[in-house]
N, C-alpha and C. Protein backbone atom coordinates (compact mmCIF):
# COMPACT_ATOMS: atom_id res chain seq x y z
N UNK A 1 120.55 53.87 97.05
CA UNK A 1 119.45 53.54 96.16
C UNK A 1 118.10 53.89 96.78
N UNK A 2 118.01 53.79 98.09
CA UNK A 2 116.76 54.14 98.75
C UNK A 2 116.41 55.60 98.55
N UNK A 3 117.43 56.48 98.53
CA UNK A 3 117.20 57.91 98.31
C UNK A 3 116.56 58.17 96.97
N UNK A 4 116.98 57.44 95.95
CA UNK A 4 116.39 57.62 94.62
C UNK A 4 114.93 57.18 94.61
N UNK A 5 114.63 56.11 95.29
CA UNK A 5 113.25 55.64 95.36
C UNK A 5 112.38 56.67 96.07
N UNK A 6 112.94 57.30 97.10
CA UNK A 6 112.19 58.32 97.83
C UNK A 6 111.90 59.52 96.94
N UNK A 7 112.88 59.97 96.18
CA UNK A 7 112.69 61.11 95.28
C UNK A 7 111.64 60.78 94.24
N UNK A 8 111.73 59.58 93.66
CA UNK A 8 110.76 59.18 92.65
C UNK A 8 109.36 59.10 93.23
N UNK A 9 109.24 58.59 94.45
CA UNK A 9 107.92 58.48 95.08
C UNK A 9 107.36 59.84 95.44
N UNK A 10 108.24 60.79 95.75
CA UNK A 10 107.79 62.12 96.15
C UNK A 10 107.40 62.99 94.96
N UNK A 11 107.91 62.66 93.78
CA UNK A 11 107.66 63.50 92.60
C UNK A 11 106.17 63.66 92.28
N UNK A 12 105.38 62.58 92.26
CA UNK A 12 103.95 62.78 91.97
C UNK A 12 103.26 63.65 93.01
N UNK A 13 103.61 63.50 94.28
CA UNK A 13 103.00 64.32 95.32
C UNK A 13 103.35 65.79 95.11
N UNK A 14 104.60 66.06 94.76
CA UNK A 14 105.04 67.43 94.49
C UNK A 14 104.24 68.01 93.33
N UNK A 15 104.07 67.22 92.28
CA UNK A 15 103.30 67.66 91.11
C UNK A 15 101.85 67.97 91.49
N UNK A 16 101.26 67.12 92.30
CA UNK A 16 99.87 67.33 92.72
C UNK A 16 99.72 68.60 93.54
N UNK A 17 100.65 68.83 94.45
CA UNK A 17 100.59 70.03 95.29
C UNK A 17 100.78 71.27 94.42
N UNK A 18 101.73 71.22 93.50
CA UNK A 18 101.98 72.35 92.60
C UNK A 18 100.72 72.66 91.79
N UNK A 19 100.15 71.63 91.18
CA UNK A 19 98.96 71.82 90.34
C UNK A 19 97.79 72.36 91.16
N UNK A 20 97.59 71.82 92.34
CA UNK A 20 96.48 72.28 93.18
C UNK A 20 96.68 73.72 93.64
N UNK A 21 97.93 74.11 93.85
CA UNK A 21 98.22 75.44 94.38
C UNK A 21 98.15 76.52 93.31
N UNK A 22 98.74 76.28 92.15
CA UNK A 22 98.83 77.35 91.14
C UNK A 22 97.95 77.13 89.91
N UNK A 23 97.43 75.94 89.74
CA UNK A 23 96.65 75.64 88.54
C UNK A 23 95.43 76.51 88.34
N UNK A 24 94.79 76.90 89.42
CA UNK A 24 93.56 77.68 89.35
C UNK A 24 93.79 79.11 88.84
N UNK A 25 95.03 79.57 88.84
CA UNK A 25 95.32 80.96 88.47
C UNK A 25 95.63 81.14 86.98
N UNK A 26 95.59 80.06 86.22
CA UNK A 26 95.96 80.13 84.81
C UNK A 26 95.11 81.12 84.00
N UNK A 27 93.78 81.08 84.07
CA UNK A 27 92.98 82.02 83.26
C UNK A 27 93.29 83.48 83.56
N UNK A 28 93.40 83.82 84.82
CA UNK A 28 93.71 85.21 85.19
C UNK A 28 95.10 85.62 84.73
N UNK A 29 96.05 84.69 84.84
CA UNK A 29 97.41 84.98 84.39
C UNK A 29 97.42 85.26 82.89
N UNK A 30 96.72 84.45 82.12
CA UNK A 30 96.67 84.65 80.67
C UNK A 30 96.05 86.01 80.34
N UNK A 31 95.00 86.40 81.05
CA UNK A 31 94.39 87.72 80.81
C UNK A 31 95.39 88.85 81.08
N UNK A 32 96.11 88.76 82.21
CA UNK A 32 97.09 89.81 82.54
C UNK A 32 98.21 89.85 81.50
N UNK A 33 98.69 88.69 81.11
CA UNK A 33 99.78 88.64 80.13
C UNK A 33 99.32 89.17 78.78
N UNK A 34 98.09 88.86 78.40
CA UNK A 34 97.54 89.38 77.14
C UNK A 34 97.48 90.90 77.18
N UNK A 35 97.08 91.45 78.31
CA UNK A 35 97.01 92.91 78.44
C UNK A 35 98.39 93.56 78.30
N UNK A 36 99.43 92.87 78.74
CA UNK A 36 100.77 93.44 78.66
C UNK A 36 101.38 93.29 77.28
N UNK A 37 101.32 92.08 76.71
CA UNK A 37 102.00 91.85 75.43
C UNK A 37 101.13 92.13 74.22
N UNK A 38 99.83 92.15 74.38
CA UNK A 38 98.98 92.57 73.29
C UNK A 38 98.34 91.49 72.46
N UNK A 39 98.76 90.24 72.59
CA UNK A 39 98.09 89.19 71.83
C UNK A 39 98.04 87.90 72.63
N UNK A 40 96.96 87.18 72.42
CA UNK A 40 96.69 85.98 73.23
C UNK A 40 97.70 84.86 72.98
N UNK A 41 98.12 84.67 71.75
CA UNK A 41 99.06 83.59 71.45
C UNK A 41 100.37 83.78 72.21
N UNK A 42 100.89 85.00 72.20
CA UNK A 42 102.11 85.27 72.96
C UNK A 42 101.87 85.10 74.45
N UNK A 43 100.69 85.52 74.90
CA UNK A 43 100.36 85.38 76.32
C UNK A 43 100.30 83.91 76.72
N UNK A 44 99.76 83.07 75.86
CA UNK A 44 99.71 81.63 76.16
C UNK A 44 101.12 81.05 76.25
N UNK A 45 102.00 81.47 75.34
CA UNK A 45 103.40 81.03 75.41
C UNK A 45 104.06 81.48 76.70
N UNK A 46 103.81 82.74 77.06
CA UNK A 46 104.40 83.28 78.29
C UNK A 46 103.82 82.59 79.53
N UNK A 47 102.55 82.25 79.49
CA UNK A 47 101.94 81.54 80.62
C UNK A 47 102.60 80.17 80.79
N UNK A 48 102.85 79.51 79.68
CA UNK A 48 103.51 78.21 79.74
C UNK A 48 104.92 78.36 80.33
N UNK A 49 105.65 79.37 79.89
CA UNK A 49 106.99 79.63 80.42
C UNK A 49 106.91 80.00 81.90
N UNK A 50 105.88 80.75 82.28
CA UNK A 50 105.69 81.12 83.68
C UNK A 50 105.51 79.88 84.54
N UNK A 51 104.66 78.96 84.11
CA UNK A 51 104.43 77.75 84.88
C UNK A 51 105.67 76.87 84.93
N UNK A 52 106.42 76.83 83.85
CA UNK A 52 107.66 76.06 83.85
C UNK A 52 108.65 76.64 84.86
N UNK A 53 108.81 77.95 84.85
CA UNK A 53 109.72 78.59 85.81
C UNK A 53 109.22 78.45 87.24
N UNK A 54 107.92 78.56 87.42
CA UNK A 54 107.36 78.39 88.77
C UNK A 54 107.60 76.97 89.27
N UNK A 55 107.42 76.00 88.39
CA UNK A 55 107.64 74.61 88.78
C UNK A 55 109.10 74.38 89.19
N UNK A 56 110.00 74.94 88.40
CA UNK A 56 111.43 74.79 88.71
C UNK A 56 111.79 75.48 90.03
N UNK A 57 111.08 76.55 90.36
CA UNK A 57 111.37 77.31 91.58
C UNK A 57 110.46 76.92 92.74
N UNK A 58 109.66 75.89 92.58
CA UNK A 58 108.66 75.52 93.56
C UNK A 58 109.25 75.33 94.95
N UNK A 59 110.44 74.77 95.05
CA UNK A 59 111.07 74.53 96.35
C UNK A 59 111.40 75.83 97.07
N UNK A 60 111.49 76.94 96.33
CA UNK A 60 111.80 78.23 96.94
C UNK A 60 110.55 79.06 97.24
N UNK A 61 109.39 78.59 96.84
CA UNK A 61 108.14 79.31 97.10
C UNK A 61 107.84 79.27 98.59
N UNK A 62 107.53 80.44 99.17
CA UNK A 62 107.32 80.52 100.62
C UNK A 62 105.91 80.12 101.05
N UNK A 63 105.02 79.88 100.10
CA UNK A 63 103.69 79.38 100.43
C UNK A 63 102.66 80.42 100.82
N UNK A 64 102.99 81.71 100.74
CA UNK A 64 102.05 82.72 101.22
C UNK A 64 100.97 83.08 100.22
N UNK A 65 101.32 83.47 99.01
CA UNK A 65 100.33 83.92 98.03
C UNK A 65 100.73 83.42 96.65
N UNK A 66 100.19 82.27 96.27
CA UNK A 66 100.58 81.63 95.01
C UNK A 66 100.26 82.51 93.81
N UNK A 67 99.12 83.18 93.84
CA UNK A 67 98.74 84.02 92.71
C UNK A 67 99.72 85.18 92.53
N UNK A 68 100.06 85.85 93.60
CA UNK A 68 101.00 86.97 93.51
C UNK A 68 102.36 86.48 93.03
N UNK A 69 102.80 85.35 93.54
CA UNK A 69 104.09 84.78 93.14
C UNK A 69 104.08 84.44 91.65
N UNK A 70 103.02 83.80 91.20
CA UNK A 70 102.90 83.42 89.80
C UNK A 70 102.81 84.66 88.90
N UNK A 71 102.00 85.64 89.30
CA UNK A 71 101.86 86.87 88.51
C UNK A 71 103.19 87.62 88.44
N UNK A 72 103.97 87.60 89.51
CA UNK A 72 105.27 88.27 89.49
C UNK A 72 106.16 87.65 88.43
N UNK A 73 106.22 86.34 88.41
CA UNK A 73 107.03 85.64 87.41
C UNK A 73 106.52 85.98 86.01
N UNK A 74 105.22 85.85 85.81
CA UNK A 74 104.62 86.08 84.50
C UNK A 74 104.77 87.51 84.02
N UNK A 75 104.53 88.47 84.89
CA UNK A 75 104.62 89.88 84.48
C UNK A 75 106.05 90.25 84.12
N UNK A 76 107.00 89.73 84.84
CA UNK A 76 108.40 90.02 84.48
C UNK A 76 108.73 89.45 83.11
N UNK A 77 108.27 88.25 82.84
CA UNK A 77 108.48 87.67 81.51
C UNK A 77 107.78 88.50 80.44
N UNK A 78 106.56 88.93 80.73
CA UNK A 78 105.79 89.72 79.75
C UNK A 78 106.44 91.07 79.49
N UNK A 79 106.93 91.72 80.54
CA UNK A 79 107.60 93.01 80.34
C UNK A 79 108.86 92.84 79.51
N UNK A 80 109.60 91.77 79.76
CA UNK A 80 110.80 91.51 78.96
C UNK A 80 110.44 91.27 77.50
N UNK A 81 109.38 90.52 77.27
CA UNK A 81 108.93 90.25 75.90
C UNK A 81 108.48 91.54 75.23
N UNK A 82 107.74 92.35 75.94
CA UNK A 82 107.26 93.61 75.38
C UNK A 82 108.42 94.53 75.02
N UNK A 83 109.41 94.61 75.90
CA UNK A 83 110.60 95.43 75.62
C UNK A 83 111.36 94.90 74.41
N UNK A 84 111.48 93.58 74.32
CA UNK A 84 112.18 92.97 73.18
C UNK A 84 111.45 93.31 71.88
N UNK A 85 110.14 93.23 71.89
CA UNK A 85 109.36 93.56 70.69
C UNK A 85 109.54 95.02 70.28
N UNK A 86 109.56 95.89 71.26
CA UNK A 86 109.73 97.32 70.95
C UNK A 86 111.08 97.59 70.32
N UNK A 87 112.11 96.91 70.82
CA UNK A 87 113.45 97.11 70.25
C UNK A 87 113.49 96.70 68.78
N UNK A 88 112.77 95.63 68.45
CA UNK A 88 112.80 95.11 67.09
C UNK A 88 111.72 95.69 66.19
N UNK A 89 110.73 96.35 66.74
CA UNK A 89 109.59 96.80 65.94
C UNK A 89 109.99 97.76 64.83
N UNK A 90 111.00 98.57 65.05
CA UNK A 90 111.44 99.49 64.02
C UNK A 90 112.13 98.79 62.87
N UNK A 91 112.64 97.61 63.12
CA UNK A 91 113.37 96.88 62.09
C UNK A 91 112.48 95.95 61.28
N UNK A 92 111.40 95.57 61.86
CA UNK A 92 110.52 94.60 61.20
C UNK A 92 109.21 95.26 60.78
N UNK A 93 108.77 94.97 59.60
CA UNK A 93 107.46 95.49 59.21
C UNK A 93 106.41 94.54 59.76
N UNK A 94 105.35 95.12 60.28
CA UNK A 94 104.29 94.31 60.87
C UNK A 94 103.01 94.54 60.08
N UNK A 95 102.29 93.48 59.88
CA UNK A 95 101.01 93.61 59.16
C UNK A 95 99.96 94.26 60.04
N UNK A 96 99.96 93.89 61.28
CA UNK A 96 98.97 94.44 62.21
C UNK A 96 99.62 95.51 63.07
N UNK A 97 98.87 96.53 63.38
CA UNK A 97 99.38 97.60 64.23
C UNK A 97 99.48 97.15 65.67
N UNK A 98 100.00 98.02 66.52
CA UNK A 98 100.20 97.63 67.92
C UNK A 98 98.91 97.36 68.67
N UNK A 99 97.80 97.81 68.16
CA UNK A 99 96.53 97.56 68.85
C UNK A 99 95.72 96.46 68.17
N UNK A 100 96.37 95.60 67.40
CA UNK A 100 95.65 94.55 66.69
C UNK A 100 94.94 93.58 67.63
N UNK A 101 95.38 93.51 68.86
CA UNK A 101 94.77 92.60 69.83
C UNK A 101 93.39 93.07 70.26
N UNK A 102 93.03 94.29 69.95
CA UNK A 102 91.74 94.83 70.38
C UNK A 102 90.65 94.24 69.50
N UNK A 103 89.91 93.32 70.07
CA UNK A 103 88.86 92.68 69.29
C UNK A 103 87.57 92.54 70.09
N UNK A 104 87.54 93.04 71.29
CA UNK A 104 86.35 92.86 72.11
C UNK A 104 85.30 93.92 71.79
N UNK A 105 84.13 93.77 72.40
CA UNK A 105 83.04 94.72 72.17
C UNK A 105 83.40 96.12 72.66
N UNK A 106 84.09 96.22 73.77
CA UNK A 106 84.39 97.53 74.33
C UNK A 106 85.75 98.01 73.85
N UNK A 107 85.80 98.36 72.58
CA UNK A 107 87.04 98.77 71.93
C UNK A 107 87.65 100.00 72.61
N UNK A 108 86.83 100.94 73.03
CA UNK A 108 87.32 102.16 73.66
C UNK A 108 88.11 101.87 74.93
N UNK A 109 87.61 100.96 75.74
CA UNK A 109 88.30 100.61 76.97
C UNK A 109 89.65 99.98 76.67
N UNK A 110 89.67 99.05 75.73
CA UNK A 110 90.92 98.40 75.37
C UNK A 110 91.91 99.39 74.76
N UNK A 111 91.41 100.30 73.96
CA UNK A 111 92.30 101.31 73.39
C UNK A 111 92.85 102.22 74.47
N UNK A 112 92.02 102.57 75.43
CA UNK A 112 92.49 103.41 76.54
C UNK A 112 93.55 102.66 77.35
N UNK A 113 93.30 101.39 77.62
CA UNK A 113 94.30 100.59 78.33
C UNK A 113 95.58 100.47 77.51
N UNK A 114 95.43 100.31 76.21
CA UNK A 114 96.59 100.19 75.33
C UNK A 114 97.44 101.45 75.29
N UNK A 115 96.84 102.59 75.61
CA UNK A 115 97.57 103.85 75.62
C UNK A 115 98.36 104.09 76.88
N UNK A 116 98.19 103.22 77.86
CA UNK A 116 98.93 103.36 79.12
C UNK A 116 100.34 102.79 78.99
N UNK A 117 101.26 103.36 79.76
CA UNK A 117 102.58 102.75 79.87
C UNK A 117 102.40 101.38 80.50
N UNK A 118 103.28 100.45 80.20
CA UNK A 118 103.11 99.06 80.67
C UNK A 118 103.01 98.98 82.19
N UNK A 119 103.82 99.77 82.89
CA UNK A 119 103.79 99.73 84.35
C UNK A 119 102.46 100.24 84.88
N UNK A 120 101.95 101.30 84.27
CA UNK A 120 100.67 101.87 84.70
C UNK A 120 99.55 100.88 84.45
N UNK A 121 99.56 100.24 83.28
CA UNK A 121 98.52 99.27 82.93
C UNK A 121 98.57 98.08 83.89
N UNK A 122 99.76 97.56 84.15
CA UNK A 122 99.89 96.42 85.05
C UNK A 122 99.38 96.77 86.44
N UNK A 123 99.77 97.93 86.95
CA UNK A 123 99.33 98.35 88.28
C UNK A 123 97.82 98.50 88.33
N UNK A 124 97.25 99.12 87.30
CA UNK A 124 95.81 99.33 87.26
C UNK A 124 95.05 98.00 87.22
N UNK A 125 95.48 97.09 86.37
CA UNK A 125 94.80 95.80 86.27
C UNK A 125 94.95 94.98 87.55
N UNK A 126 96.15 94.98 88.11
CA UNK A 126 96.36 94.22 89.35
C UNK A 126 95.54 94.79 90.50
N UNK A 127 95.35 96.11 90.51
CA UNK A 127 94.59 96.75 91.58
C UNK A 127 93.09 96.65 91.33
N UNK A 128 92.64 97.13 90.19
CA UNK A 128 91.20 97.24 89.92
C UNK A 128 90.55 95.89 89.62
N UNK A 129 91.24 95.03 88.90
CA UNK A 129 90.64 93.76 88.49
C UNK A 129 90.94 92.65 89.49
N UNK A 130 92.20 92.58 89.92
CA UNK A 130 92.61 91.47 90.78
C UNK A 130 92.55 91.80 92.27
N UNK A 131 92.38 93.07 92.61
CA UNK A 131 92.20 93.45 94.00
C UNK A 131 93.45 93.53 94.85
N UNK A 132 94.62 93.58 94.23
CA UNK A 132 95.85 93.70 95.01
C UNK A 132 96.01 95.11 95.55
N UNK A 133 96.62 95.22 96.73
CA UNK A 133 96.90 96.52 97.32
C UNK A 133 98.16 97.12 96.69
N UNK A 134 98.39 98.39 96.96
CA UNK A 134 99.58 99.04 96.43
C UNK A 134 100.84 98.36 96.95
N UNK A 135 100.85 97.96 98.20
CA UNK A 135 102.02 97.28 98.78
C UNK A 135 102.26 95.94 98.09
N UNK A 136 101.19 95.19 97.83
CA UNK A 136 101.33 93.89 97.17
C UNK A 136 101.83 94.05 95.74
N UNK A 137 101.29 95.04 95.04
CA UNK A 137 101.74 95.29 93.66
C UNK A 137 103.20 95.72 93.67
N UNK A 138 103.57 96.57 94.61
CA UNK A 138 104.95 96.99 94.73
C UNK A 138 105.88 95.81 94.93
N UNK A 139 105.48 94.87 95.77
CA UNK A 139 106.30 93.68 96.01
C UNK A 139 106.42 92.83 94.75
N UNK A 140 105.33 92.71 94.00
CA UNK A 140 105.35 91.93 92.76
C UNK A 140 106.27 92.54 91.72
N UNK A 141 106.24 93.86 91.62
CA UNK A 141 106.97 94.55 90.55
C UNK A 141 108.29 95.16 91.03
N UNK A 142 108.66 94.88 92.26
CA UNK A 142 109.92 95.38 92.84
C UNK A 142 110.03 96.89 92.83
N UNK A 143 108.97 97.57 93.24
CA UNK A 143 108.99 99.03 93.36
C UNK A 143 108.32 99.40 94.69
N UNK A 144 108.63 100.60 95.22
CA UNK A 144 107.99 101.03 96.47
C UNK A 144 106.49 101.26 96.27
N UNK A 145 105.70 101.09 97.33
CA UNK A 145 104.25 101.33 97.24
C UNK A 145 103.92 102.75 96.75
N UNK A 146 104.74 103.72 97.09
CA UNK A 146 104.51 105.09 96.62
C UNK A 146 104.59 105.20 95.11
N UNK A 147 105.48 104.43 94.52
CA UNK A 147 105.58 104.41 93.05
C UNK A 147 104.32 103.82 92.46
N UNK A 148 103.82 102.76 93.08
CA UNK A 148 102.58 102.13 92.61
C UNK A 148 101.43 103.14 92.73
N UNK A 149 101.39 103.88 93.82
CA UNK A 149 100.33 104.89 94.00
C UNK A 149 100.39 105.93 92.88
N UNK A 150 101.58 106.35 92.53
CA UNK A 150 101.76 107.31 91.44
C UNK A 150 101.30 106.72 90.11
N UNK A 151 101.69 105.47 89.85
CA UNK A 151 101.28 104.81 88.61
C UNK A 151 99.76 104.69 88.54
N UNK A 152 99.14 104.31 89.65
CA UNK A 152 97.68 104.18 89.67
C UNK A 152 97.01 105.52 89.43
N UNK A 153 97.52 106.55 90.04
CA UNK A 153 96.95 107.89 89.85
C UNK A 153 97.04 108.32 88.39
N UNK A 154 98.19 108.12 87.80
CA UNK A 154 98.37 108.49 86.38
C UNK A 154 97.51 107.63 85.46
N UNK A 155 97.43 106.34 85.77
CA UNK A 155 96.62 105.44 84.94
C UNK A 155 95.15 105.83 85.00
N UNK A 156 94.66 106.12 86.20
CA UNK A 156 93.25 106.50 86.35
C UNK A 156 92.96 107.83 85.66
N UNK A 157 93.88 108.77 85.77
CA UNK A 157 93.70 110.07 85.10
C UNK A 157 93.66 109.89 83.59
N UNK A 158 94.55 109.05 83.07
CA UNK A 158 94.57 108.78 81.63
C UNK A 158 93.26 108.13 81.19
N UNK A 159 92.81 107.15 81.95
CA UNK A 159 91.58 106.45 81.58
C UNK A 159 90.39 107.40 81.61
N UNK A 160 90.30 108.26 82.63
CA UNK A 160 89.20 109.23 82.69
C UNK A 160 89.25 110.16 81.47
N UNK A 161 90.44 110.65 81.17
CA UNK A 161 90.59 111.59 80.05
C UNK A 161 90.20 110.94 78.72
N UNK A 162 90.73 109.77 78.46
CA UNK A 162 90.47 109.09 77.19
C UNK A 162 89.01 108.65 77.08
N UNK A 163 88.48 108.07 78.13
CA UNK A 163 87.11 107.56 78.06
C UNK A 163 86.07 108.68 78.07
N UNK A 164 86.36 109.80 78.72
CA UNK A 164 85.44 110.94 78.70
C UNK A 164 85.44 111.65 77.36
N UNK A 165 86.55 111.60 76.63
CA UNK A 165 86.63 112.21 75.30
C UNK A 165 85.96 111.35 74.24
N UNK A 166 85.76 110.08 74.55
CA UNK A 166 85.21 109.15 73.54
C UNK A 166 83.74 109.36 73.33
C-alpha cells in the first residue's frame, strides 16, 4: 500500500516537471504543425495528440532537448495526417482548395511554402525559423544530415524561384 501512496504523491511532481519542460514549446509546435497540415484546427488537434503522446512517453525522454523531442513527435503525427488526407482527397470533394489555410498578409510566401514537398518545408522551417542544424533535423526526421542538406538546398532554390517570379 505504501507503494501506491508514493506513486500518487509523485504524480503531481511529474506533471509539474512535464509542464515546465515542454509547455513553453506549444505555440511553436502549433505553427510547425499548421505549416505541414495546412489548417490551424487540425494543427491544434495534432498538438494535443503530441502532448498526450509525449506525456505517456515522458519516462523515456532523455532530457537533452525537449523542443526537438516534442517536434519529432508532432511532425511525425502531422506527416501521417497529411499522407492520410492525400490518400482520401481524390475520393472526397472539398469546398476549400489545398491552399485554403493561406490567410496571412504575405500570401506569396505562404504559397511558395505550400508548393514545397512536406519534407523540404519541414526542413526549411526547422532550420530557418527554429534554428536547428542539419544534424538535429536529421535526428528529428530519421534521415541522414546529407539528406537534410539536399532538402534545404532544394527548398531554398524553390523559394528563390517562386518569390523572384512573383
